[in-house]
Amino acid sequence: MSCSYMIAAEQKARSTYDNILRLVKDPDVCEPIKFLRAREIVHFQRFGEGLRITQDKLNAKNFYAFNPGFDRCES
């Protein structure tokens, strides 16, 4: 799974937790959800940092994350 998909998954989970917190008022439910939401925020930040570092290193060595010519169909 690529880093950008992981970032999107973390963002979606955070959004889900935000929606739960809007609806639920029970502190026994809210506190664990707040913890999980905070964890998703940290994961989002770390995956973003990892993606940025990887892209910087790929560019520095003149490597590419993908090869546009590879996916071309030969007729």
Protein backbone atom coordinates (compact mmCIF):
# COMPACT_ATOMS: atom_id res chain seq x y z
CA MET A 1 0.00 0.00 0.00
CA SER A 2 1.43 3.36 -0.96
CA CYS A 3 1.98 6.15 1.49
CA SER A 4 -0.63 8.42 -0.13
CA TYR A 5 -3.32 5.75 0.37
CA MET A 6 -2.31 5.40 4.00
CA ILE A 7 -2.53 9.16 4.46
CA ALA A 8 -6.02 9.14 2.94
CA ALA A 9 -7.07 6.28 5.24
CA GLU A 10 -5.85 8.17 8.31
CA GLN A 11 -7.75 11.27 7.18
CA LYS A 12 -10.93 9.26 6.66
CA ALA A 13 -10.62 7.66 10.11
CA ARG A 14 -10.14 11.08 11.69
CA SER A 15 -13.25 12.35 9.93
CA THR A 16 -15.20 9.35 11.21
CA TYR A 17 -14.06 10.01 14.78
CA ASP A 18 -15.02 13.68 14.43
CA ASN A 19 -18.50 12.65 13.32
CA ILE A 20 -18.87 10.24 16.24
CA LEU A 21 -17.83 12.97 18.68
CA ARG A 22 -20.48 15.31 17.22
CA LEU A 23 -23.19 12.74 17.92
CA VAL A 24 -22.15 11.07 21.18
CA LYS A 25 -22.14 12.88 24.51
CA ASP A 26 -21.29 9.97 26.84
CA PRO A 27 -17.82 10.64 28.32
CA ASP A 28 -17.10 6.90 28.54
CA VAL A 29 -17.40 6.77 24.75
CA CYS A 30 -15.94 10.20 23.94
CA GLU A 31 -12.62 9.80 25.76
CA PRO A 32 -11.45 6.68 23.86
CA ILE A 33 -12.64 8.22 20.58
CA LYS A 34 -10.64 11.40 21.33
CA PHE A 35 -7.58 9.23 21.95
CA LEU A 36 -8.07 7.38 18.67
CA ARG A 37 -8.59 10.65 16.78
CA ALA A 38 -5.35 12.06 18.24
CA ARG A 39 -3.54 8.89 17.18
CA GLU A 40 -4.85 9.24 13.62
CA ILE A 41 -3.56 12.82 13.50
CA VAL A 42 -0.08 11.66 14.52
CA HIS A 43 -0.17 8.82 11.97
CA PHE A 44 -1.21 11.29 9.25
CA GLN A 45 1.73 13.55 10.12
CA ARG A 46 4.25 10.70 10.20
CA PHE A 47 3.10 9.18 6.91
CA GLY A 48 3.28 12.65 5.35
CA GLU A 49 6.82 13.09 6.62
CA GLY A 50 7.77 9.65 5.33
CA LEU A 51 6.34 10.43 1.91
CA ARG A 52 8.17 13.77 1.75
CA ILE A 53 11.49 12.21 2.79
CA THR A 54 11.08 9.42 0.24
CA GLN A 55 10.27 11.85 -2.56
CA ASP A 56 13.23 14.05 -1.63
CA LYS A 57 15.62 11.10 -1.70
CA LEU A 58 14.22 9.82 -5.00
CA ASN A 59 14.66 13.24 -6.61
CA ALA A 60 18.15 13.69 -5.17
CA LYS A 61 19.38 10.48 -6.81
CA ASN A 62 17.50 11.09 -10.05
CA PHE A 63 15.31 8.03 -9.53
CA TYR A 64 11.61 8.08 -10.21
CA ALA A 65 8.71 6.74 -8.19
CA PHE A 66 7.10 5.54 -11.43
CA ASN A 67 8.00 5.14 -15.07
CA PRO A 68 5.39 6.68 -17.40
CA GLY A 69 6.69 4.61 -20.32
CA PHE A 70 6.16 1.35 -18.48
CA ASP A 71 2.35 1.47 -18.63
CA ARG A 72 2.11 2.18 -22.34
CA CYS A 73 0.42 -0.54 -24.32
CA GLU A 74 2.30 -1.83 -27.29
CA SER A 75 0.22 -2.15 -30.44
